[in-house]
């Protein structure tokens, strides 16, 4: 028996030294707020056991003895008092949470031997210690002890047949309840009193604790998805509806999905239909013309049809429950009714106003773009913009606005000039911004940024750019042809590009980048 004394007068007892480690290190709050100087540990027969805190914040004990003596003492205590009190190894769920934490604390010594062994003790058997001392690998020694005595490694046994191992006590308790195995009331009562355990995962364990009828009744998948579905809908699972829920889950395969569980509960009348938020009707602007009205209807139909197709495909692939299917279709119907005439009016008004630029932007697109709008135009105006070449499509858009072929050519020429001018403006602005980031010193000593420097040169009559080869590179200058004077420009800092753009005759004020 180990007795823990606190300076405050509080006293705790543990049956094993591993239990002492678990007492301090499995309680984060206690470990943080307890000073090692304010607590002591004493064995009723062997006397005081030094307690220290490691650099990582965990508590460690320092019993006397060699590495083998210390490990065997701790492991044999766990074996005799906790795991095999009657000779047969207990499974984790057959012991209390505190007892299992002592077992895992003993298993940790294989990986963190410093929690029980002083540094000089761990060095026993190494090249720096007594050559006659037998070397002991803590990890191999502890793992071998667990497997020989308990039948599993330091991470615990499988929590379910064919599953992986797990060292969490609540996992073993949850799956034991799922299988219908007997778990002591004292163990279950401890979990009932501790609401933090299983709050973020294993919520279904709480249901098994509170509703004994579910224990051993369902496979893990149907059980867990059942609890998840009911929890999501804020519906209780209790003794009065457990049998009905079990009967609904029984026909499902053991590897069922959440979708299958949702469908079964919905078909059985347990889960209600998903309620779509009823959005109030909107005041729709009237259609500008029959074309606008038809565009609105065709576009709304197309959006609705795409939603229906997507929902049908996801349902067929098992990715959407029947409840969700009905919910999505109700939303689609609602949105179809609420569709506005905004887009239809934009297209129709562009036709009425002969706004060819807007129509080209909206309709001079590939055949698979704006298909609903093009279909409405074909139905109302008799103009087909699909299934034709790009040139024919463009010509028909100009026809909609009453443009002849020559007028189209004039419009295209002007649009090309406008685009070129816009590109020149953009190039000038970008070059000016780059030039502003560098400085030039004039002969007078004045310092200007690159844009100001180029503007000054041009204002003083420098109007020609030339270059002089220098090896494989070039040096650029802006010259005044009349005076045969030149000033340097650089490509890297943007002054060359800015000067070229200015001298090219771009109709941009010199303050464009100021």
Protein backbone atom coordinates (compact mmCIF):
# COMPACT_ATOMS: atom_id res chain seq x y z
CA UNK A 1 0.00 0.00 0.00
CA UNK A 2 1.30 3.45 -0.95
CA UNK A 3 0.11 6.55 0.88
CA UNK A 4 0.24 10.00 -0.73
CA UNK A 5 0.43 12.93 1.68
CA UNK A 6 -0.26 16.53 0.66
CA UNK A 7 0.89 19.52 2.70
CA UNK A 8 -2.76 20.57 2.90
CA UNK A 9 -3.47 17.48 5.00
CA UNK A 10 -5.15 15.55 2.22
CA UNK A 11 -4.26 11.85 2.02
CA UNK A 12 -4.71 9.40 -0.84
CA UNK A 13 -3.79 5.73 -1.12
CA UNK A 14 -2.78 3.50 -4.03
CA UNK A 15 -2.29 -0.26 -4.09
CA UNK A 16 0.62 -0.12 -6.56
CA UNK A 17 3.48 2.20 -7.40
CA UNK A 18 2.18 2.30 -10.99
CA UNK A 19 -1.08 3.55 -9.48
CA UNK A 20 0.87 6.42 -7.89
CA UNK A 21 2.20 7.40 -11.31
CA UNK A 22 -1.28 7.17 -12.81
CA UNK A 23 -2.76 9.19 -9.94
CA UNK A 24 -0.59 12.19 -10.79
CA UNK A 25 -0.07 11.87 -14.55
CA UNK A 26 -3.57 10.88 -15.69
CA UNK A 27 -5.08 14.00 -14.15
CA UNK A 28 -3.84 16.99 -16.10
CA UNK A 29 -5.28 19.52 -13.67
CA UNK A 30 -3.74 17.81 -10.62
CA UNK A 31 -0.38 17.50 -12.38
CA UNK A 32 -0.29 21.20 -13.29
CA UNK A 33 -1.27 22.62 -9.92
CA UNK A 34 0.66 20.24 -7.66
CA UNK A 35 4.17 21.15 -6.58
CA UNK A 36 6.51 18.22 -6.10
CA UNK A 37 7.67 19.80 -2.83
CA UNK A 38 4.11 19.83 -1.48
CA UNK A 39 3.54 16.09 -1.69
CA UNK A 40 5.24 12.92 -0.50
CA UNK A 41 4.82 9.17 -1.14
CA UNK A 42 5.40 6.44 1.40
CA UNK A 43 5.15 2.67 1.24
CA UNK A 44 3.83 1.18 4.46
CA UNK A 45 6.71 -1.33 4.60
CA UNK A 46 9.56 0.14 2.50
CA UNK A 47 9.29 3.72 3.66
CA UNK A 48 9.53 6.92 1.63
CA UNK A 49 9.56 6.84 -2.17
CA UNK A 50 11.17 9.98 -3.63
CA UNK A 51 8.95 11.90 -6.06
CA UNK A 52 10.39 14.16 -8.77
CA UNK A 53 9.06 16.15 -11.71
CA UNK A 54 10.57 15.57 -15.15
CA UNK A 55 11.34 18.30 -17.67
CA UNK A 56 8.14 17.50 -19.60
CA UNK A 57 6.01 18.15 -16.51
CA UNK A 58 5.14 14.56 -15.61
CA UNK A 59 5.77 13.11 -12.16
CA UNK A 60 8.26 10.31 -11.65
CA UNK A 61 9.15 8.05 -8.71
CA UNK A 62 12.64 7.06 -7.63
CA UNK A 63 12.53 3.72 -5.76
CA UNK A 64 15.78 2.07 -4.77
CA UNK A 65 17.26 -0.87 -6.66
CA UNK A 66 18.70 -1.95 -9.94
CA UNK A 67 16.85 -1.50 -13.22
CA UNK A 68 15.57 -5.09 -13.11
CA UNK A 69 14.57 -4.87 -9.45
CA UNK A 70 12.60 -1.65 -9.94
CA UNK A 71 10.81 -2.78 -13.10
CA UNK A 72 9.99 -6.21 -11.73
CA UNK A 73 8.68 -4.73 -8.48
CA UNK A 74 6.31 -2.38 -10.32
CA UNK A 75 5.19 -4.99 -12.87
CA UNK A 76 4.68 -7.74 -10.30
CA UNK A 77 2.52 -5.43 -8.19
CA UNK A 78 0.30 -4.74 -11.18
CA UNK A 79 0.16 -8.42 -12.03
CA UNK A 80 -0.65 -9.59 -8.52
CA UNK A 81 -2.98 -6.83 -7.33
CA UNK A 82 -4.75 -5.62 -10.49
CA UNK A 83 -4.59 -7.81 -13.59
CA UNK A 84 -4.45 -11.35 -12.11
CA UNK A 85 -5.72 -11.19 -8.55
CA UNK A 86 -7.28 -14.66 -9.02
CA UNK A 87 -4.76 -16.02 -11.50
CA UNK A 88 -6.78 -15.27 -14.66
CA UNK A 89 -5.97 -12.02 -16.51
CA UNK A 90 -8.77 -9.48 -16.36
CA UNK A 91 -9.73 -7.58 -19.46
CA UNK A 92 -9.70 -3.76 -19.26
CA UNK A 93 -13.49 -3.43 -18.93
CA UNK A 94 -13.46 -5.94 -16.07
CA UNK A 95 -11.49 -3.53 -13.89
CA UNK A 96 -12.04 0.06 -12.84
CA UNK A 97 -10.76 2.97 -14.88
CA UNK A 98 -8.25 3.84 -12.13
CA UNK A 99 -6.95 0.26 -12.07
CA UNK A 100 -6.53 0.19 -15.84
CA UNK A 101 -4.70 3.52 -15.75
CA UNK A 102 -2.22 1.93 -13.34
CA UNK A 103 -1.71 -0.92 -15.82
CA UNK A 104 -1.02 1.49 -18.68
CA UNK A 105 1.28 3.54 -16.42
CA UNK A 106 3.32 0.38 -15.86
CA UNK A 107 3.36 -0.27 -19.62
CA UNK A 108 4.65 3.27 -20.27
CA UNK A 109 7.85 2.42 -18.45
CA UNK A 110 8.96 0.46 -21.52
CA UNK A 111 8.97 3.70 -23.52
CA UNK A 112 9.50 6.23 -20.73
CA UNK A 113 11.65 4.41 -18.17
CA UNK A 114 12.69 7.74 -16.65
CA UNK A 115 9.29 7.83 -14.92
CA UNK A 116 10.60 5.19 -12.50
CA UNK A 117 14.33 4.93 -13.16
CA UNK A 118 16.95 7.54 -12.34
CA UNK A 119 19.38 8.37 -15.17
CA UNK A 120 22.23 6.54 -13.44
CA UNK A 121 20.00 3.48 -13.08
CA UNK A 122 19.08 3.51 -16.78
CA UNK A 123 22.80 3.54 -17.64
CA UNK A 124 23.31 0.19 -15.94
CA UNK A 125 24.66 -2.31 -18.43
CA UNK A 126 25.79 0.30 -20.95
CA UNK A 127 29.36 0.80 -22.04
CA UNK A 128 29.78 3.48 -19.40
CA UNK A 129 28.73 1.31 -16.46
CA UNK A 130 30.00 -1.82 -14.77
CA UNK A 131 31.11 -4.22 -17.54
CA UNK A 132 29.81 -7.12 -15.49
CA UNK A 133 26.29 -5.74 -15.20
CA UNK A 134 23.63 -7.45 -17.30
CA UNK A 135 22.09 -5.17 -19.96
CA UNK A 136 18.30 -4.80 -19.78
CA UNK A 137 16.25 -3.12 -22.49
CA UNK A 138 13.25 -1.60 -20.63
CA UNK A 139 10.98 -1.73 -23.70
CA UNK A 140 11.66 -5.39 -24.43
CA UNK A 141 11.53 -6.33 -20.76
CA UNK A 142 8.17 -4.63 -20.09
CA UNK A 143 6.58 -5.84 -23.33
CA UNK A 144 7.70 -9.42 -22.71
CA UNK A 145 6.30 -9.29 -19.17
CA UNK A 146 2.90 -8.04 -20.44
CA UNK A 147 2.63 -10.68 -23.13
CA UNK A 148 3.71 -13.56 -20.93
CA UNK A 149 1.58 -12.62 -17.95
CA UNK A 150 -1.42 -10.79 -19.47
CA UNK A 151 -1.61 -12.09 -23.03
CA UNK A 152 -1.34 -8.67 -24.71
CA UNK A 153 1.20 -5.87 -25.18
CA UNK A 154 1.58 -2.55 -23.40
CA UNK A 155 -1.09 -0.92 -25.59
CA UNK A 156 -3.74 -3.29 -24.30
CA UNK A 157 -5.75 -6.03 -26.01
CA UNK A 158 -8.03 -5.73 -29.04
CA UNK A 159 -11.12 -3.75 -28.13
CA UNK A 160 -13.22 -5.85 -30.53
CA UNK A 161 -12.55 -9.10 -32.43
CA UNK A 162 -10.35 -8.36 -35.43
CA UNK A 163 -9.89 -4.73 -34.44
CA UNK A 164 -6.74 -2.90 -33.45
CA UNK A 165 -5.45 -2.49 -29.93
CA UNK A 166 -6.26 0.49 -27.77
CA UNK A 167 -5.15 1.66 -24.36
CA UNK A 168 -8.23 3.80 -23.58
CA UNK A 169 -10.42 2.27 -20.91
CA UNK A 170 -13.62 3.85 -22.26
CA UNK A 171 -13.07 2.23 -25.67
CA UNK A 172 -12.94 -1.23 -24.12
CA UNK A 173 -16.00 -0.49 -21.96
CA UNK A 174 -17.98 0.81 -24.95
CA UNK A 175 -17.30 -2.22 -27.14
CA UNK A 176 -17.89 -4.63 -24.25
CA UNK A 177 -21.34 -3.10 -23.77
CA UNK A 178 -21.96 -3.28 -27.51
CA UNK A 179 -21.18 -7.01 -27.42
CA UNK A 180 -23.47 -7.44 -24.42
CA UNK A 181 -20.71 -8.46 -22.00
CA UNK A 182 -21.10 -7.85 -18.28
CA UNK A 183 -19.55 -4.63 -17.01
CA UNK A 184 -19.64 -3.94 -13.28
CA UNK A 185 -22.07 -1.33 -12.03
CA UNK A 186 -19.21 0.38 -10.21
CA UNK A 187 -17.46 0.91 -13.55
CA UNK A 188 -20.61 2.21 -15.24
CA UNK A 189 -21.47 4.46 -12.31
CA UNK A 190 -18.04 6.08 -12.56
CA UNK A 191 -18.75 6.97 -16.18
CA UNK A 192 -22.22 8.22 -15.34
CA UNK A 193 -20.64 10.59 -12.83
CA UNK A 194 -18.00 11.83 -15.28
CA UNK A 195 -19.72 13.62 -18.14
CA UNK A 196 -16.47 14.70 -19.80
CA UNK A 197 -15.46 11.20 -20.89
CA UNK A 198 -17.05 10.38 -24.24
CA UNK A 199 -18.30 13.90 -24.83
CA UNK A 200 -16.46 14.36 -28.12
CA UNK A 201 -16.31 10.76 -29.27
CA UNK A 202 -17.90 7.49 -28.21
CA UNK A 203 -21.20 9.29 -27.52
CA UNK A 204 -22.90 5.99 -28.27
CA UNK A 205 -21.26 4.54 -25.14
CA UNK A 206 -23.46 6.86 -23.07
CA UNK A 207 -26.54 5.45 -24.76
CA UNK A 208 -25.46 1.90 -23.93
CA UNK A 209 -24.88 2.86 -20.30
CA UNK A 210 -28.31 4.50 -20.01
CA UNK A 211 -30.31 1.99 -22.13
CA UNK A 212 -29.41 -1.62 -21.21
CA UNK A 213 -31.81 -2.97 -23.86
CA UNK A 214 -29.37 -1.90 -26.58
CA UNK A 215 -26.46 -3.87 -25.14
CA UNK A 216 -25.59 -6.81 -27.36
CA UNK A 217 -28.52 -6.08 -29.66
CA UNK A 218 -26.76 -4.52 -32.66
CA UNK A 219 -23.46 -4.69 -34.52
CA UNK A 220 -21.11 -1.71 -34.10
CA UNK A 221 -21.98 0.04 -37.38
CA UNK A 222 -25.79 0.03 -37.07
CA UNK A 223 -25.51 0.97 -33.40
CA UNK A 224 -23.14 3.87 -33.90
CA UNK A 225 -24.99 5.30 -36.91
CA UNK A 226 -28.30 4.92 -35.07
CA UNK A 227 -27.00 6.96 -32.15
CA UNK A 228 -25.52 9.56 -34.52
CA UNK A 229 -28.77 9.96 -36.48
CA UNK A 230 -30.92 10.30 -33.36
CA UNK A 231 -28.46 12.72 -31.76
CA UNK A 232 -28.37 14.85 -34.91
CA UNK A 233 -32.16 15.19 -34.83
CA UNK A 234 -32.16 15.77 -31.03
CA UNK A 235 -34.31 12.67 -30.55
CA UNK A 236 -33.87 10.55 -27.41
CA UNK A 237 -33.03 6.87 -27.26
CA UNK A 238 -34.69 5.45 -24.15
CA UNK A 239 -36.15 2.27 -22.76
CA UNK A 240 -39.57 3.00 -24.29
CA UNK A 241 -38.35 3.20 -27.91
CA UNK A 242 -35.27 0.96 -27.79
CA UNK A 243 -37.07 -2.17 -29.00
CA UNK A 244 -38.61 -0.33 -31.95
CA UNK A 245 -35.25 1.10 -32.97
CA UNK A 246 -33.59 -2.31 -32.71
CA UNK A 247 -36.23 -3.87 -34.96
CA UNK A 248 -35.64 -1.16 -37.58
CA UNK A 249 -31.88 -1.72 -37.50
CA UNK A 250 -31.91 -5.51 -37.54
CA UNK A 251 -32.47 -5.93 -41.33
CA UNK A 252 -29.49 -3.70 -42.14
CA UNK A 253 -26.11 -5.25 -43.03
CA UNK A 254 -23.36 -5.15 -40.43
CA UNK A 255 -21.34 -2.75 -42.57
CA UNK A 256 -24.26 -0.41 -43.23
CA UNK A 257 -23.74 3.30 -43.85
CA UNK A 258 -25.28 6.34 -42.21
CA UNK A 259 -27.47 6.78 -45.32
CA UNK A 260 -28.98 3.31 -44.89
CA UNK A 261 -29.66 3.94 -41.21
CA UNK A 262 -31.24 7.31 -41.99
CA UNK A 263 -33.46 5.67 -44.62
CA UNK A 264 -34.56 2.92 -42.25
CA UNK A 265 -35.45 5.37 -39.50
CA UNK A 266 -37.26 7.65 -41.95
CA UNK A 267 -39.24 4.78 -43.45
CA UNK A 268 -40.13 3.63 -39.94
CA UNK A 269 -41.49 7.04 -39.02
CA UNK A 270 -38.81 7.76 -36.42
CA UNK A 271 -37.05 10.58 -38.26
CA UNK A 272 -39.27 13.40 -39.53
CA UNK A 273 -38.93 14.93 -43.00
CA UNK A 274 -36.32 17.61 -43.25
CA UNK A 275 -37.99 20.98 -43.01
CA UNK A 276 -37.01 23.55 -45.62
CA UNK A 277 -37.10 27.16 -44.53
CA UNK A 278 -40.08 28.70 -46.27
CA UNK A 279 -38.74 31.87 -47.82
CA UNK A 280 -41.29 34.63 -48.32
CA UNK A 281 -42.31 35.44 -51.89
CA UNK A 282 -40.30 38.17 -53.56
CA UNK A 283 -41.69 41.10 -55.47
CA UNK A 284 -40.59 40.38 -59.04
CA UNK A 285 -39.92 43.16 -61.51
CA UNK A 286 -42.17 42.67 -64.55
CA UNK A 287 -40.58 41.18 -67.68
CA UNK A 288 -39.41 43.78 -70.16
CA UNK A 289 -40.68 41.75 -73.11
CA UNK A 290 -41.91 38.27 -74.03
CA UNK A 291 -38.26 37.37 -74.59
CA UNK A 292 -37.40 38.26 -70.97
CA UNK A 293 -40.31 36.17 -69.71
CA UNK A 294 -39.26 33.17 -71.77
CA UNK A 295 -35.61 33.47 -70.72
CA UNK A 296 -36.66 33.47 -67.09
CA UNK A 297 -38.78 30.33 -67.54
CA UNK A 298 -36.18 28.41 -69.57
CA UNK A 299 -33.30 29.29 -67.25
CA UNK A 300 -35.34 28.38 -64.17
CA UNK A 301 -36.34 25.06 -65.77
CA UNK A 302 -32.72 24.28 -66.63
CA UNK A 303 -31.48 25.01 -63.09
CA UNK A 304 -34.30 22.91 -61.64
CA UNK A 305 -33.58 20.02 -64.01
CA UNK A 306 -29.85 20.07 -63.17
CA UNK A 307 -30.68 19.93 -59.46
CA UNK A 308 -33.05 17.00 -59.99
CA UNK A 309 -30.43 15.15 -62.05
CA UNK A 310 -27.71 15.74 -59.46
CA UNK A 311 -29.93 14.58 -56.62
CA UNK A 312 -30.98 11.47 -58.56
CA UNK A 313 -27.36 10.57 -59.30
CA UNK A 314 -26.25 11.00 -55.70
CA UNK A 315 -29.20 8.93 -54.51
CA UNK A 316 -28.37 6.18 -56.99
CA UNK A 317 -24.76 6.14 -55.74
CA UNK A 318 -25.89 5.86 -52.14
CA UNK A 319 -24.56 9.29 -51.21
CA UNK A 320 -27.88 10.87 -50.21
CA UNK A 321 -30.68 9.69 -47.97
CA UNK A 322 -34.32 9.73 -49.04
CA UNK A 323 -34.98 12.48 -46.50
CA UNK A 324 -32.27 14.61 -48.04
CA UNK A 325 -33.54 13.86 -51.56
CA UNK A 326 -37.01 15.13 -50.70
CA UNK A 327 -35.53 18.14 -48.93
CA UNK A 328 -33.34 19.09 -51.91
CA UNK A 329 -36.24 18.71 -54.34
CA UNK A 330 -38.48 20.91 -52.19
CA UNK A 331 -35.78 23.58 -52.17
CA UNK A 332 -35.42 23.30 -55.94
CA UNK A 333 -39.18 23.75 -56.44
CA UNK A 334 -39.12 26.76 -54.16
CA UNK A 335 -36.23 28.41 -55.99
CA UNK A 336 -37.88 27.79 -59.35
CA UNK A 337 -40.95 29.71 -58.25
CA UNK A 338 -38.83 32.52 -56.83
CA UNK A 339 -36.69 32.95 -59.97
CA UNK A 340 -36.51 36.61 -61.01
CA UNK A 341 -36.60 38.33 -64.41
CA UNK A 342 -33.31 40.15 -63.80
CA UNK A 343 -31.19 38.20 -66.28
CA UNK A 344 -33.97 37.96 -68.86
CA UNK A 345 -34.53 41.72 -68.67
CA UNK A 346 -30.80 42.39 -69.16
CA UNK A 347 -30.76 40.33 -72.36
CA UNK A 348 -34.09 41.63 -73.63
CA UNK A 349 -33.20 45.28 -73.00
CA UNK A 350 -29.86 44.81 -74.77
CA UNK A 351 -31.80 43.56 -77.82
CA UNK A 352 -34.29 46.44 -77.65
CA UNK A 353 -31.52 49.03 -77.21
CA UNK A 354 -29.31 47.47 -79.93
CA UNK A 355 -26.54 47.18 -77.38
CA UNK A 356 -24.36 44.90 -79.44
CA UNK A 357 -21.42 45.08 -77.00
CA UNK A 358 -23.56 43.69 -74.16
CA UNK A 359 -25.06 40.98 -76.38
CA UNK A 360 -21.65 39.89 -77.61
CA UNK A 361 -20.47 39.62 -74.02
CA UNK A 362 -23.52 37.51 -73.07
CA UNK A 363 -24.11 35.44 -76.21
CA UNK A 364 -20.89 35.27 -78.26
CA UNK A 365 -19.82 32.26 -76.21
CA UNK A 366 -19.24 28.52 -76.85
CA UNK A 367 -22.26 26.36 -77.59
CA UNK A 368 -22.36 24.90 -74.08
CA UNK A 369 -22.47 28.32 -72.41
CA UNK A 370 -25.76 30.16 -71.65
CA UNK A 371 -27.63 27.41 -73.45
CA UNK A 372 -30.97 28.22 -71.83
CA UNK A 373 -30.79 31.88 -72.90
CA UNK A 374 -29.85 30.93 -76.47
CA UNK A 375 -32.71 28.46 -76.57
CA UNK A 376 -35.20 31.15 -75.49
CA UNK A 377 -33.87 33.50 -78.17
CA UNK A 378 -34.38 30.81 -80.80
CA UNK A 379 -37.94 30.14 -79.62
CA UNK A 380 -39.01 33.80 -79.39
CA UNK A 381 -36.95 35.57 -82.06
CA UNK A 382 -36.19 32.67 -84.37
CA UNK A 383 -32.43 33.27 -84.22
CA UNK A 384 -30.28 30.21 -83.60
CA UNK A 385 -26.94 30.84 -81.89
CA UNK A 386 -26.00 27.21 -81.37
CA UNK A 387 -24.84 24.56 -83.82
CA UNK A 388 -23.14 27.18 -86.04
CA UNK A 389 -19.62 28.47 -86.48
CA UNK A 390 -18.31 31.31 -84.33
CA UNK A 391 -18.39 33.69 -87.30
CA UNK A 392 -22.02 32.90 -88.11
CA UNK A 393 -22.99 33.21 -84.44
CA UNK A 394 -21.34 36.62 -84.24
CA UNK A 395 -23.01 37.78 -87.45
CA UNK A 396 -26.45 36.75 -86.14
CA UNK A 397 -25.90 38.74 -82.95
CA UNK A 398 -25.21 41.83 -85.06
CA UNK A 399 -28.37 41.02 -87.06
CA UNK A 400 -30.36 41.10 -83.81
CA UNK A 401 -29.29 44.71 -83.41
CA UNK A 402 -29.95 45.64 -87.07
CA UNK A 403 -26.27 45.98 -88.03
CA UNK A 404 -25.34 45.43 -91.67
CA UNK A 405 -22.16 43.63 -92.66
CA UNK A 406 -20.33 46.92 -93.30
CA UNK A 407 -21.54 48.35 -90.01
CA UNK A 408 -20.29 45.21 -88.25
CA UNK A 409 -16.89 45.67 -89.88
CA UNK A 410 -16.75 49.29 -88.73
CA UNK A 411 -17.79 48.29 -85.22
CA UNK A 412 -15.16 45.53 -85.09
CA UNK A 413 -12.46 47.90 -86.32
CA UNK A 414 -13.35 50.49 -83.71
CA UNK A 415 -13.51 47.81 -80.98
CA UNK A 416 -10.05 46.56 -82.01
CA UNK A 417 -8.68 50.10 -81.85
CA UNK A 418 -10.26 50.62 -78.46
CA UNK A 419 -8.72 47.37 -77.20
CA UNK A 420 -5.31 48.36 -78.52
CA UNK A 421 -5.61 51.77 -76.92
CA UNK A 422 -6.69 50.22 -73.65
CA UNK A 423 -3.69 47.88 -73.78
CA UNK A 424 -1.41 50.86 -74.44
CA UNK A 425 -2.91 52.69 -71.49
CA UNK A 426 -2.42 49.64 -69.31
CA UNK A 427 1.16 49.15 -70.47
CA UNK A 428 1.91 52.82 -69.80
CA UNK A 429 0.43 52.65 -66.32
CA UNK A 430 2.37 49.52 -65.45
CA UNK A 431 5.63 50.96 -66.79
CA UNK A 432 5.03 54.20 -64.89
CA UNK A 433 4.49 52.31 -61.64
CA UNK A 434 7.73 50.39 -62.12
CA UNK A 435 9.64 53.54 -63.00
CA UNK A 436 8.37 55.33 -59.90
CA UNK A 437 10.13 52.74 -57.74
CA UNK A 438 13.63 53.93 -58.77
CA UNK A 439 15.49 57.26 -58.51
CA UNK A 440 17.69 59.21 -60.93
CA UNK A 441 20.09 62.05 -60.09
CA UNK A 442 20.33 64.83 -62.69
CA UNK A 443 23.40 66.88 -63.58
CA UNK A 444 22.06 69.63 -61.33
CA UNK A 445 22.00 67.29 -58.34
CA UNK A 446 18.19 67.05 -58.26
CA UNK A 447 16.77 63.58 -57.52
CA UNK A 448 13.64 62.41 -59.36
CA UNK A 449 11.86 59.09 -59.50
CA UNK A 450 12.02 57.22 -62.81
CA UNK A 451 8.66 58.45 -64.10
CA UNK A 452 9.44 62.08 -63.30
CA UNK A 453 12.87 61.66 -64.88
CA UNK A 454 11.44 60.38 -68.18
CA UNK A 455 8.70 63.05 -68.22
CA UNK A 456 11.33 65.76 -67.72
CA UNK A 457 13.49 64.39 -70.52
CA UNK A 458 10.58 64.35 -72.95
CA UNK A 459 9.50 67.85 -71.89
CA UNK A 460 13.05 69.10 -72.61
CA UNK A 461 13.01 67.69 -76.15
CA UNK A 462 14.47 64.23 -75.73
CA UNK A 463 12.46 62.24 -78.25
CA UNK A 464 14.53 59.37 -79.58
CA UNK A 465 15.60 56.11 -77.95
CA UNK A 466 18.83 54.48 -79.03
CA UNK A 467 21.12 51.80 -77.74
CA UNK A 468 24.82 51.06 -77.67
CA UNK A 469 26.09 47.44 -77.62
CA UNK A 470 28.23 46.62 -74.61
CA UNK A 471 29.49 43.10 -74.99
CA UNK A 472 26.45 40.85 -75.14
CA UNK A 473 24.29 43.52 -73.45
CA UNK A 474 22.93 46.90 -74.51
CA UNK A 475 22.88 50.32 -72.93
CA UNK A 476 19.84 52.44 -73.70
CA UNK A 477 19.63 56.22 -73.97
CA UNK A 478 16.95 58.81 -74.66
CA UNK A 479 18.37 61.43 -77.03
CA UNK A 480 17.68 65.00 -77.98
CA UNK A 481 18.36 64.89 -81.76
CA UNK A 482 18.87 68.61 -81.94
CA UNK A 483 21.55 68.82 -79.27
CA UNK A 484 22.96 65.31 -79.78
CA UNK A 485 22.60 64.85 -76.02
CA UNK A 486 21.53 61.64 -74.33
CA UNK A 487 20.47 60.45 -70.91
CA UNK A 488 20.50 56.80 -69.72
CA UNK A 489 17.47 54.51 -69.46
CA UNK A 490 17.29 51.05 -67.94
CA UNK A 491 15.11 48.12 -68.93
CA UNK A 492 15.06 46.57 -65.48
CA UNK A 493 13.60 49.56 -63.63
CA UNK A 494 10.82 50.35 -66.14
CA UNK A 495 12.17 53.67 -67.41
CA UNK A 496 12.86 52.23 -70.88
CA UNK A 497 9.34 50.79 -71.21
CA UNK A 498 7.79 54.01 -69.88
CA UNK A 499 9.75 56.16 -72.31
CA UNK A 500 8.84 53.87 -75.23
CA UNK A 501 5.16 54.06 -74.30
CA UNK A 502 5.25 57.87 -73.97
CA UNK A 503 7.06 58.38 -77.23
CA UNK A 504 4.73 55.95 -79.04
CA UNK A 505 2.08 58.67 -78.84
CA UNK A 506 -0.22 57.12 -76.20
CA UNK A 507 -2.99 59.58 -75.40
CA UNK A 508 -2.43 59.44 -71.70
CA UNK A 509 -1.72 62.41 -69.49
CA UNK A 510 1.72 62.27 -67.87
CA UNK A 511 0.02 62.24 -64.49
CA UNK A 512 -1.70 58.89 -65.11
CA UNK A 513 0.53 57.08 -62.61
CA UNK A 514 1.03 59.95 -60.20
